[in-house]
Amino acid sequence: MAEEFIKEKSNKLGIELKFDGEQPGAVDYFQMAMKESENLKNSLKNLENKNDDDDKDNDDDIDKNALVQQLFEKAISTFETEWKESQEKEDIKHQKYLLVQYTDCLKEFSLWTKYIGSIEDAENICEEWLKKNDSEGYIWIILANLHLVKMNINCENENDAEQLDDDEEDEEEEEEEEEEEEEEGEGDENNKGKGKAGEQKHKKFIDNKLPEKDKEVLDNIKNSLEKGFSLLGNEKEPDKKLISELNAIVANTYYNYSLCQRQSSSKRQCVFCIKECLEYTIGYSKKAIELSPSDYEKDDWIKALPGFAYYYLADLYSEKYKDLEKAMDYVMEAIDIVMSAEALAKKENKLIERAKYLEMIGQSYLLLSTMTDSDDDTLGAYENAIDAMKASIKLNPSNQSLLNLMVEIGALILNEDGTYILPEGHDHDHEHEFEEIEEDEDAPDDDGTEENKEEEDEEDEDTKGKRKTEHEEKPAKFIKTNDGKKCCGGGCCQNK
């Protein structure tokens, strides 16, 4: 039970929470736990970006982690008390409110600790409620989402365990190679390490069947969601805003599980499951916006989410199914959607989000460059990929995984002193479509300076098809051919 786990952890923490005046309620504790956990996540990200071993910072984070643990513990114990009291009073309305908050708290605690005991308690609470209130569509959806979150936690735990085993094997292999090839020099050994990293990134998709138990759970999730949304939609006055929010929640959970499945080992990876979860992600996220568009006017992530899913579907269809036509359609959709989200994030001045979207745009163009039929198309897509990645790095210079990728594809060179430089001859080859990130936000949109006109005149004929910088709120989308079809940006369509 989760209670035993909490008590065991509490005894080790040695922290006691004290409040002056009126004691907080369960929901108050839960909100404090969420706020502190978010602060700690941001602190850990900053520590990673600093890339140093500051003992003081580490000690502070240990204290913050203990605080988060204690707040969750206090929230859950208080929820238990309030839940029993509400059942004794038979206040159905308040019970339902508590149930939603209580199960959400248990779910978040499981996500924090990667311990599924808490989320299993949440599942039990929902199942008991539905035995008496089978027509509660809201609770059916909450229960389905809890099942899916638990599958994701189990998947992540299995991936982490396998990664530890893989790391130990890699260390042993590296030690053996160092002994056998000591005379080959440090440079060769560095290249070997990079090769291994590349192999992990470009792992092939493997067809495995899900264990029958997991397949049954996913089928139950699908059925519960269909039942829940049907019940909510058939109410006399359906709450479109609530239904929209639930669609968005489910879309995110399916997306997270699809990514975890992608990272699974060849023994556990299920291609069909990845494909299905990505398709559900697209469907539920689009439905969320369709039902309540005004609620997502400033929500760049829910608008970007189907684009991210389209990218991974494109990768799947290109790599596994060898269906390049469908893969190209998907990747173009990904670019279109994520560009719109990036434009929205720019308006809201969300730098980290913009960096994430620009990285995805770059990844999408890079994937597109592997599907094209001509050198012009390949070059155009590749250049657009580099442009977007450089723009992302300018916004978030500490994105190590993206820096590594850019080194791997030859867009950057890693010096011995740890600094990154552009390859010789690429410093000014192409003015980047996304270079507006460096410009003054108050600068006029219409750029007609003589300097820029001269640069355009001097542009190489072979790269005229490449998308030009557009100083607008929304970045340049695709080049259009005369018949209105989308083009990859390579220039071939204009020359036909």
Protein backbone atom coordinates (compact mmCIF):
# COMPACT_ATOMS: atom_id res chain seq x y z
CA MET A 1 0.00 0.00 0.00
CA ALA A 2 1.05 3.57 -0.62
CA GLU A 3 0.59 4.40 3.07
CA GLU A 4 3.38 2.01 4.10
CA PHE A 5 5.69 3.48 1.49
CA ILE A 6 4.98 7.03 2.70
CA LYS A 7 5.64 6.17 6.35
CA GLU A 8 8.91 4.48 5.46
CA LYS A 9 10.06 7.53 3.50
CA SER A 10 8.84 9.94 6.17
CA ASN A 11 10.95 8.32 8.87
CA LYS A 12 14.08 8.85 6.75
CA LEU A 13 13.39 12.48 5.93
CA GLY A 14 13.51 13.90 9.44
CA ILE A 15 11.37 16.90 8.44
CA GLU A 16 8.37 18.20 10.33
CA LEU A 17 6.01 20.73 8.76
CA LYS A 18 4.61 23.41 11.07
CA PHE A 19 2.06 26.11 10.23
CA ASP A 20 0.90 29.05 12.32
CA GLY A 21 -2.83 29.50 12.69
CA GLU A 22 -5.31 27.37 10.73
CA GLN A 23 -3.88 24.14 9.36
CA PRO A 24 -3.98 23.70 5.57
CA GLY A 25 -6.48 21.30 4.03
CA ALA A 26 -5.67 18.38 1.76
CA VAL A 27 -6.05 20.41 -1.42
CA ASP A 28 -3.80 23.14 0.04
CA TYR A 29 -1.06 20.62 0.80
CA PHE A 30 -1.42 19.13 -2.67
CA GLN A 31 -1.07 22.53 -4.35
CA MET A 32 2.00 23.31 -2.23
CA ALA A 33 3.54 19.96 -3.17
CA MET A 34 2.97 20.62 -6.87
CA LYS A 35 4.43 24.12 -6.64
CA GLU A 36 7.54 22.95 -4.78
CA SER A 37 8.04 19.99 -7.12
CA GLU A 38 7.91 22.32 -10.12
CA ASN A 39 10.44 24.63 -8.45
CA LEU A 40 12.74 21.69 -7.80
CA LYS A 41 12.48 20.47 -11.41
CA ASN A 42 13.47 23.94 -12.63
CA SER A 43 16.34 24.03 -10.13
CA LEU A 44 17.65 20.67 -11.34
CA LYS A 45 17.46 21.84 -14.95
CA ASN A 46 19.46 24.94 -14.07
CA LEU A 47 22.03 22.82 -12.24
CA GLU A 48 22.42 20.59 -15.32
CA ASN A 49 22.88 23.65 -17.49
CA LYS A 50 25.60 25.02 -15.16
CA ASN A 51 27.37 21.68 -15.54
CA ASP A 52 29.29 21.99 -12.29
CA ASP A 53 29.44 20.16 -8.98
CA ASP A 54 28.36 22.77 -6.48
CA ASP A 55 27.92 20.91 -3.18
CA LYS A 56 25.81 23.71 -1.77
CA ASP A 57 23.36 23.53 -4.69
CA ASN A 58 23.18 19.76 -4.33
CA ASP A 59 22.45 20.04 -0.60
CA ASP A 60 19.73 22.59 -1.29
CA ASP A 61 18.10 20.28 -3.82
CA ILE A 62 18.17 17.39 -1.35
CA ASP A 63 16.37 19.60 1.17
CA LYS A 64 13.83 20.66 -1.47
CA ASN A 65 13.23 17.04 -2.44
CA ALA A 66 12.57 16.19 1.19
CA LEU A 67 10.13 19.09 1.42
CA VAL A 68 8.22 17.94 -1.67
CA GLN A 69 8.10 14.41 -0.26
CA GLN A 70 6.74 15.65 3.04
CA LEU A 71 4.10 17.87 1.41
CA PHE A 72 2.81 15.00 -0.73
CA GLU A 73 2.79 12.75 2.33
CA LYS A 74 0.82 15.32 4.31
CA ALA A 75 -1.61 15.90 1.45
CA ILE A 76 -2.37 12.18 1.09
CA SER A 77 -2.87 11.59 4.81
CA THR A 78 -5.16 14.63 5.01
CA PHE A 79 -7.11 13.48 1.96
CA GLU A 80 -7.66 10.11 3.63
CA THR A 81 -9.18 11.84 6.66
CA GLU A 82 -11.35 14.22 4.62
CA TRP A 83 -12.45 11.38 2.34
CA LYS A 84 -13.73 9.31 5.28
CA GLU A 85 -15.50 12.33 6.75
CA SER A 86 -17.26 13.11 3.46
CA GLN A 87 -18.45 9.51 3.16
CA GLU A 88 -19.94 9.65 6.65
CA LYS A 89 -21.81 12.86 5.77
CA GLU A 90 -23.01 11.36 2.47
CA ASP A 91 -22.26 14.61 0.66
CA ILE A 92 -22.07 13.25 -2.89
CA LYS A 93 -21.12 16.54 -4.51
CA HIS A 94 -18.23 17.14 -2.10
CA GLN A 95 -17.20 13.49 -2.36
CA LYS A 96 -16.88 13.77 -6.12
CA TYR A 97 -14.80 16.94 -5.78
CA LEU A 98 -12.51 15.25 -3.25
CA LEU A 99 -12.26 12.11 -5.38
CA VAL A 100 -10.93 14.07 -8.34
CA GLN A 101 -8.38 15.96 -6.20
CA TYR A 102 -7.42 12.92 -4.12
CA THR A 103 -6.79 10.62 -7.09
CA ASP A 104 -4.90 13.38 -8.88
CA CYS A 105 -2.65 13.79 -5.84
CA LEU A 106 -1.98 10.04 -5.69
CA LYS A 107 -1.20 10.03 -9.42
CA GLU A 108 1.24 12.96 -9.15
CA PHE A 109 2.94 11.34 -6.15
CA SER A 110 3.45 8.17 -8.20
CA LEU A 111 4.90 10.22 -11.05
CA TRP A 112 7.22 11.94 -8.58
CA THR A 113 8.47 8.77 -6.89
CA LYS A 114 8.02 6.31 -9.80
CA TYR A 115 6.27 4.12 -7.22
CA ILE A 116 2.98 2.68 -8.52
CA GLY A 117 1.47 1.88 -5.10
CA SER A 118 -0.11 5.35 -4.87
CA ILE A 119 -1.66 5.25 -8.31
CA GLU A 120 -3.05 1.78 -7.60
CA ASP A 121 -4.78 3.26 -4.55
CA ALA A 122 -6.25 5.93 -6.86
CA GLU A 123 -7.50 3.24 -9.25
CA ASN A 124 -9.19 1.42 -6.38
CA ILE A 125 -10.96 4.60 -5.24
CA CYS A 126 -12.34 5.23 -8.74
CA GLU A 127 -13.38 1.60 -9.23
CA GLU A 128 -15.26 1.58 -5.92
CA TRP A 129 -17.02 4.82 -6.85
CA LEU A 130 -18.09 3.48 -10.27
CA LYS A 131 -19.63 0.38 -8.68
CA LYS A 132 -22.26 2.71 -7.24
CA ASN A 133 -22.19 5.43 -9.93
CA ASP A 134 -21.69 3.64 -13.25
CA SER A 135 -23.01 6.58 -15.29
CA GLU A 136 -20.26 8.99 -14.15
CA GLY A 137 -18.47 9.64 -17.45
CA TYR A 138 -15.95 11.97 -15.81
CA ILE A 139 -14.75 9.25 -13.44
CA TRP A 140 -14.53 6.65 -16.24
CA ILE A 141 -12.11 8.96 -18.06
CA ILE A 142 -10.09 9.65 -14.89
CA LEU A 143 -9.80 5.90 -14.27
CA ALA A 144 -8.69 5.22 -17.86
CA ASN A 145 -6.06 7.93 -17.61
CA LEU A 146 -4.79 6.49 -14.31
CA HIS A 147 -4.38 3.07 -15.97
CA LEU A 148 -2.40 4.66 -18.81
CA VAL A 149 -0.18 6.68 -16.44
CA LYS A 150 0.59 3.50 -14.49
CA MET A 151 1.59 1.71 -17.71
CA ASN A 152 3.87 4.63 -18.51
CA ILE A 153 5.53 4.54 -15.07
CA ASN A 154 6.11 0.78 -15.39
CA CYS A 155 7.55 1.30 -18.87
CA GLU A 156 9.91 4.06 -17.66
CA ASN A 157 11.06 1.95 -14.71
CA GLU A 158 11.83 -0.98 -17.02
CA ASN A 159 13.69 1.33 -19.42
CA ASP A 160 15.73 2.81 -16.57
CA ALA A 161 16.67 -0.65 -15.29
CA GLU A 162 17.72 -1.76 -18.76
CA GLN A 163 19.70 1.44 -19.28
CA LEU A 164 21.68 0.76 -16.11
CA ASP A 165 22.49 -2.72 -17.37
CA ASP A 166 23.46 -1.33 -20.78
CA ASP A 167 25.69 1.32 -19.19
CA GLU A 168 27.51 -1.32 -17.16
CA GLU A 169 28.02 -3.44 -20.30
CA ASP A 170 29.26 -0.40 -22.24
CA GLU A 171 31.76 0.42 -19.48
CA GLU A 172 33.09 -3.13 -19.54
CA GLU A 173 33.38 -3.08 -23.35
CA GLU A 174 35.14 0.31 -23.30
CA GLU A 175 37.64 -0.94 -20.72
CA GLU A 176 38.37 -3.99 -22.90
CA GLU A 177 38.77 -1.81 -26.00
CA GLU A 178 41.11 0.57 -24.17
CA GLU A 179 43.30 -2.32 -23.15
CA GLU A 180 43.32 -3.87 -26.64
CA GLU A 181 43.68 -0.66 -28.69
CA GLU A 182 45.66 1.62 -26.40
CA GLU A 183 48.08 2.49 -29.19
CA GLU A 184 45.38 3.81 -31.53
CA GLY A 185 45.18 7.08 -29.65
CA GLU A 186 42.62 9.16 -27.90
CA GLY A 187 41.01 10.43 -31.12
CA ASP A 188 39.93 6.99 -32.27
CA GLU A 189 38.45 6.18 -28.92
CA ASN A 190 36.42 9.38 -28.93
CA ASN A 191 35.01 8.49 -32.34
CA LYS A 192 34.00 5.07 -31.09
CA GLY A 193 32.06 6.59 -28.24
CA LYS A 194 30.21 8.90 -30.62
CA GLY A 195 29.39 6.00 -32.88
CA LYS A 196 27.70 4.16 -30.06
CA ALA A 197 25.62 7.18 -29.16
CA GLY A 198 24.50 7.48 -32.78
CA GLU A 199 23.50 3.82 -32.88
CA GLN A 200 21.28 4.29 -29.84
CA LYS A 201 19.56 7.34 -31.33
CA HIS A 202 18.81 5.64 -34.66
CA LYS A 203 17.66 2.35 -33.21
CA LYS A 204 15.48 0.30 -35.55
CA PHE A 205 11.85 -0.31 -34.75
CA ILE A 206 11.13 -3.84 -33.60
CA ASP A 207 7.85 -5.72 -33.96
CA ASN A 208 6.92 -7.29 -30.64
CA LYS A 209 3.52 -8.20 -29.30
CA LEU A 210 2.52 -6.62 -26.04
CA PRO A 211 2.14 -9.03 -23.14
CA GLU A 212 -1.47 -10.18 -22.97
CA LYS A 213 -1.91 -8.40 -19.65
CA ASP A 214 -0.78 -5.05 -21.09
CA LYS A 215 -2.88 -5.55 -24.22
CA GLU A 216 -5.92 -6.18 -22.04
CA VAL A 217 -5.23 -3.02 -20.03
CA LEU A 218 -4.92 -0.90 -23.19
CA ASP A 219 -8.18 -2.34 -24.53
CA ASN A 220 -9.87 -1.51 -21.22
CA ILE A 221 -8.46 2.02 -21.38
CA LYS A 222 -9.86 2.48 -24.88
CA ASN A 223 -13.29 1.16 -23.85
CA SER A 224 -13.40 3.27 -20.68
CA LEU A 225 -12.53 6.42 -22.61
CA GLU A 226 -15.19 5.73 -25.23
CA LYS A 227 -17.77 5.10 -22.52
CA GLY A 228 -16.75 8.15 -20.48
CA PHE A 229 -16.79 10.61 -23.38
CA SER A 230 -20.06 9.14 -24.65
CA LEU A 231 -21.71 9.64 -21.25
CA LEU A 232 -20.44 13.21 -20.97
CA GLY A 233 -21.48 14.03 -24.53
CA ASN A 234 -25.00 12.67 -24.00
CA GLU A 235 -25.74 14.84 -20.97
CA LYS A 236 -28.57 17.36 -21.38
CA GLU A 237 -26.10 20.25 -21.32
CA PRO A 238 -22.64 18.84 -22.07
CA ASP A 239 -19.80 20.75 -20.45
CA LYS A 240 -17.68 21.34 -23.55
CA LYS A 241 -14.90 23.00 -21.59
CA LEU A 242 -14.57 20.01 -19.24
CA ILE A 243 -14.71 17.53 -22.13
CA SER A 244 -12.06 19.57 -23.94
CA GLU A 245 -9.75 19.56 -20.89
CA LEU A 246 -10.14 15.80 -20.52
CA ASN A 247 -9.29 15.28 -24.20
CA ALA A 248 -6.11 17.32 -23.72
CA ILE A 249 -5.12 15.31 -20.62
CA VAL A 250 -5.64 11.98 -22.41
CA ALA A 251 -3.72 13.22 -25.48
CA ASN A 252 -0.69 14.07 -23.33
CA THR A 253 -0.78 10.72 -21.53
CA TYR A 254 -0.96 8.73 -24.77
CA TYR A 255 1.92 10.81 -26.15
CA ASN A 256 4.12 10.13 -23.10
CA TYR A 257 3.44 6.41 -23.31
CA SER A 258 4.25 6.33 -27.04
CA LEU A 259 7.63 7.96 -26.36
CA CYS A 260 8.39 5.50 -23.58
CA GLN A 261 7.56 2.61 -25.93
CA ARG A 262 9.90 4.08 -28.57
CA GLN A 263 12.74 4.01 -26.05
CA SER A 264 12.02 0.45 -24.95
CA SER A 265 14.46 -2.35 -25.68
CA SER A 266 14.08 -4.55 -28.73
CA LYS A 267 12.59 -7.24 -26.49
CA ARG A 268 9.72 -5.04 -25.27
CA GLN A 269 9.14 -2.48 -28.01
CA CYS A 270 5.75 -2.75 -29.72
CA VAL A 271 5.54 -0.87 -33.03
CA PHE A 272 1.77 -1.23 -33.33
CA CYS A 273 1.36 0.21 -29.83
CA ILE A 274 3.56 3.21 -30.69
CA LYS A 275 1.57 3.88 -33.86
CA GLU A 276 -1.80 3.54 -32.15
CA CYS A 277 -0.86 5.80 -29.22
CA LEU A 278 0.47 8.50 -31.57
CA GLU A 279 -2.76 8.37 -33.57
CA TYR A 280 -4.77 8.72 -30.36
CA THR A 281 -2.56 11.66 -29.37
CA ILE A 282 -3.42 13.46 -32.61
CA GLY A 283 -7.12 12.67 -32.35
CA TYR A 284 -7.60 13.71 -28.73
CA SER A 285 -5.47 16.87 -28.97
CA LYS A 286 -7.32 18.07 -32.07
CA LYS A 287 -10.66 17.29 -30.41
CA ALA A 288 -9.67 19.35 -27.36
CA ILE A 289 -9.07 22.44 -29.51
CA GLU A 290 -12.14 21.81 -31.65
CA LEU A 291 -14.46 21.67 -28.62
CA SER A 292 -13.19 24.80 -26.91
CA PRO A 293 -10.90 26.81 -29.19
CA SER A 294 -11.03 29.95 -27.05
CA ASP A 295 -9.45 28.10 -24.12
CA TYR A 296 -6.37 27.26 -26.19
CA GLU A 297 -5.72 30.62 -27.84
CA LYS A 298 -2.51 30.95 -25.80
CA ASP A 299 -1.80 27.26 -25.20
CA ASP A 300 1.09 26.65 -27.58
CA TRP A 301 1.79 23.12 -26.32
CA ILE A 302 -1.61 21.57 -27.00
CA LYS A 303 -1.43 23.13 -30.47
CA ALA A 304 2.07 21.76 -31.02
CA LEU A 305 1.28 18.28 -29.65
CA PRO A 306 -0.27 16.79 -32.81
CA GLY A 307 2.72 18.12 -34.75
CA PHE A 308 5.13 16.25 -32.48
CA ALA A 309 3.03 13.10 -32.89
CA TYR A 310 3.03 13.52 -36.69
CA TYR A 311 6.85 13.73 -36.63
CA TYR A 312 7.18 10.44 -34.77
CA LEU A 313 4.61 8.82 -37.07
CA ALA A 314 6.63 10.05 -40.06
CA ASP A 315 9.75 8.53 -38.54
CA LEU A 316 7.90 5.25 -38.02
CA TYR A 317 6.48 5.10 -41.57
CA SER A 318 9.84 6.03 -43.08
CA GLU A 319 12.00 3.68 -41.01
CA LYS A 320 9.74 0.72 -40.36
CA TYR A 321 7.04 0.63 -43.03
CA LYS A 322 9.14 2.18 -45.85
CA ASP A 323 6.06 4.17 -46.89
CA LEU A 324 7.80 7.40 -47.90
CA GLU A 325 4.71 9.02 -49.39
CA LYS A 326 2.78 8.80 -46.14
CA ALA A 327 5.88 9.63 -44.11
CA MET A 328 6.42 12.80 -46.16
CA ASP A 329 2.78 13.85 -45.67
CA TYR A 330 3.16 13.37 -41.92
CA VAL A 331 6.44 15.26 -41.64
CA MET A 332 5.05 18.20 -43.63
CA GLU A 333 2.07 18.27 -41.26
CA ALA A 334 4.49 18.26 -38.34
CA ILE A 335 6.41 21.24 -39.71
CA ASP A 336 3.23 23.19 -40.46
CA ILE A 337 1.68 22.61 -37.02
CA VAL A 338 4.82 23.16 -34.95
CA MET A 339 5.65 26.35 -36.84
CA SER A 340 2.25 27.74 -35.85
CA ALA A 341 2.89 26.81 -32.22
CA GLU A 342 6.34 28.42 -32.35
CA ALA A 343 4.79 31.64 -33.64
CA LEU A 344 2.33 31.60 -30.73
CA ALA A 345 5.13 30.96 -28.23
CA LYS A 346 7.02 33.89 -29.73
CA LYS A 347 4.06 36.20 -29.12
CA GLU A 348 3.95 35.05 -25.51
CA ASN A 349 7.75 35.41 -25.20
CA LYS A 350 8.21 31.77 -24.15
CA LEU A 351 11.87 31.27 -24.97
CA ILE A 352 12.30 27.68 -23.77
CA GLU A 353 9.14 26.57 -25.53
CA ARG A 354 10.29 28.28 -28.72
CA ALA A 355 13.61 26.49 -28.47
CA LYS A 356 11.80 23.16 -28.15
CA TYR A 357 9.59 23.86 -31.17
CA LEU A 358 12.48 25.08 -33.31
CA GLU A 359 14.37 21.91 -32.43
CA MET A 360 11.39 19.82 -33.55
CA ILE A 361 11.13 21.82 -36.78
CA GLY A 362 14.82 21.11 -37.35
CA GLN A 363 14.39 17.41 -36.63
CA SER A 364 11.43 17.30 -39.03
CA TYR A 365 13.36 18.92 -41.86
CA LEU A 366 16.29 16.60 -41.17
CA LEU A 367 13.96 13.61 -41.49
CA LEU A 368 12.49 15.12 -44.66
CA SER A 369 15.97 15.38 -46.17
CA THR A 370 16.23 11.56 -46.04
CA MET A 371 13.06 11.08 -48.11
CA THR A 372 13.64 13.39 -51.06
CA ASP A 373 14.33 12.29 -54.62
CA SER A 374 16.77 14.97 -55.79
CA ASP A 375 19.93 16.63 -54.53
CA ASP A 376 18.21 20.04 -54.57
CA ASP A 377 15.38 18.78 -52.36
CA THR A 378 17.78 17.08 -49.98
CA LEU A 379 19.98 20.15 -49.70
CA GLY A 380 17.03 22.49 -49.18
CA ALA A 381 15.51 20.36 -46.40
CA TYR A 382 18.91 19.87 -44.76
CA GLU A 383 19.65 23.62 -44.79
CA ASN A 384 16.26 24.36 -43.26
CA ALA A 385 16.98 21.77 -40.58
CA ILE A 386 20.30 23.43 -39.69
CA ASP A 387 18.69 26.88 -39.67
CA ALA A 388 16.03 25.80 -37.19
CA MET A 389 18.50 23.94 -34.97
CA LYS A 390 20.84 26.93 -34.82
CA ALA A 391 17.91 29.16 -33.91
CA SER A 392 16.96 26.72 -31.14
CA ILE A 393 20.50 26.66 -29.76
CA LYS A 394 20.59 30.46 -29.68
CA LEU A 395 17.54 30.39 -27.42
CA ASN A 396 18.74 27.46 -25.33
CA PRO A 397 22.55 27.10 -25.63
CA SER A 398 22.68 24.37 -22.96
CA ASN A 399 20.65 21.83 -24.97
CA GLN A 400 23.39 19.20 -24.96
CA SER A 401 21.46 16.55 -26.88
CA LEU A 402 20.85 18.98 -29.75
CA LEU A 403 24.48 20.11 -29.71
CA ASN A 404 25.55 16.47 -29.93
CA LEU A 405 23.21 15.88 -32.87
CA MET A 406 24.53 18.95 -34.71
CA VAL A 407 28.09 17.67 -34.26
CA GLU A 408 27.01 14.25 -35.49
CA ILE A 409 25.47 15.61 -38.71
CA GLY A 410 28.36 17.99 -39.34
CA ALA A 411 26.56 21.24 -38.54
CA LEU A 412 28.95 22.04 -35.67
CA ILE A 413 32.50 21.11 -34.70
CA LEU A 414 33.40 20.32 -31.10
CA ASN A 415 36.79 21.77 -30.14
CA GLU A 416 39.12 20.16 -27.66
CA ASP A 417 38.36 22.94 -25.18
CA GLY A 418 34.65 22.02 -25.24
CA THR A 419 33.50 24.95 -27.40
CA TYR A 420 31.43 24.60 -30.56
CA ILE A 421 32.17 26.29 -33.89
CA LEU A 422 30.63 26.26 -37.37
CA PRO A 423 32.48 24.18 -39.98
CA GLU A 424 34.80 26.18 -42.22
CA GLY A 425 32.91 27.77 -45.10
CA HIS A 426 29.52 27.55 -43.36
CA ASP A 427 29.67 30.66 -41.22
CA HIS A 428 27.78 32.80 -43.71
CA ASP A 429 26.67 30.38 -46.39
CA HIS A 430 23.02 30.86 -45.61
CA GLU A 431 21.10 33.51 -43.75
CA HIS A 432 18.75 31.57 -41.52
CA GLU A 433 15.00 31.70 -41.92
CA PHE A 434 14.66 31.74 -38.15
CA GLU A 435 17.24 34.46 -37.54
CA GLU A 436 14.56 36.88 -36.40
CA ILE A 437 15.14 35.56 -32.87
CA GLU A 438 18.21 37.80 -32.63
CA GLU A 439 16.40 40.90 -33.81
CA ASP A 440 14.93 43.66 -31.74
CA GLU A 441 11.32 42.72 -30.99
CA ASP A 442 10.33 46.36 -31.60
CA ALA A 443 11.94 46.49 -35.06
CA PRO A 444 9.55 47.08 -37.97
CA ASP A 445 8.38 43.97 -39.83
CA ASP A 446 9.13 45.36 -43.30
CA ASP A 447 12.86 45.02 -43.82
CA GLY A 448 13.94 46.94 -46.90
CA THR A 449 17.47 48.03 -46.06
CA GLU A 450 20.03 48.28 -48.83
CA GLU A 451 22.27 45.80 -47.04
CA ASN A 452 19.64 43.08 -47.06
CA LYS A 453 18.80 43.78 -50.70
CA GLU A 454 22.45 43.34 -51.65
CA GLU A 455 22.62 40.05 -49.78
CA GLU A 456 19.58 38.75 -51.64
CA ASP A 457 21.10 39.77 -54.99
CA GLU A 458 24.29 37.90 -54.19
CA GLU A 459 22.47 34.71 -53.20
CA ASP A 460 23.54 31.59 -55.08
CA GLU A 461 21.14 30.45 -57.83
CA ASP A 462 21.11 26.89 -56.46
CA THR A 463 19.65 28.02 -53.14
CA LYS A 464 16.95 30.39 -54.43
CA GLY A 465 14.32 27.76 -53.64
CA LYS A 466 15.29 27.90 -50.01
CA ARG A 467 12.78 29.69 -47.79
CA LYS A 468 13.77 33.28 -47.09
CA THR A 469 13.62 35.05 -43.77
CA GLU A 470 10.20 36.49 -43.17
CA HIS A 471 10.08 39.23 -40.57
CA GLU A 472 6.56 38.45 -39.52
CA GLU A 473 4.93 37.22 -36.35
CA LYS A 474 4.60 33.80 -37.95
CA PRO A 475 7.71 32.12 -39.40
CA ALA A 476 7.80 31.23 -43.08
CA LYS A 477 5.93 28.05 -43.89
CA PHE A 478 6.40 25.93 -46.98
CA ILE A 479 7.18 27.16 -50.42
CA LYS A 480 4.15 26.64 -52.63
CA THR A 481 4.28 25.33 -56.15
CA ASN A 482 2.13 26.88 -58.84
CA ASP A 483 -0.53 24.22 -58.34
CA GLY A 484 -0.67 24.99 -54.62
CA LYS A 485 1.09 21.84 -53.44
CA LYS A 486 3.58 21.95 -50.59
CA CYS A 487 7.28 21.82 -51.39
CA CYS A 488 10.17 20.67 -49.24
CA GLY A 489 12.13 23.86 -49.86
CA GLY A 490 14.80 22.36 -52.09
CA GLY A 491 14.03 24.44 -55.14
CA CYS A 492 13.08 21.59 -57.47
CA CYS A 493 9.41 22.55 -57.64
CA GLN A 494 10.15 26.07 -58.82
CA ASN A 495 12.44 24.80 -61.57
CA LYS A 496 9.88 22.45 -63.05
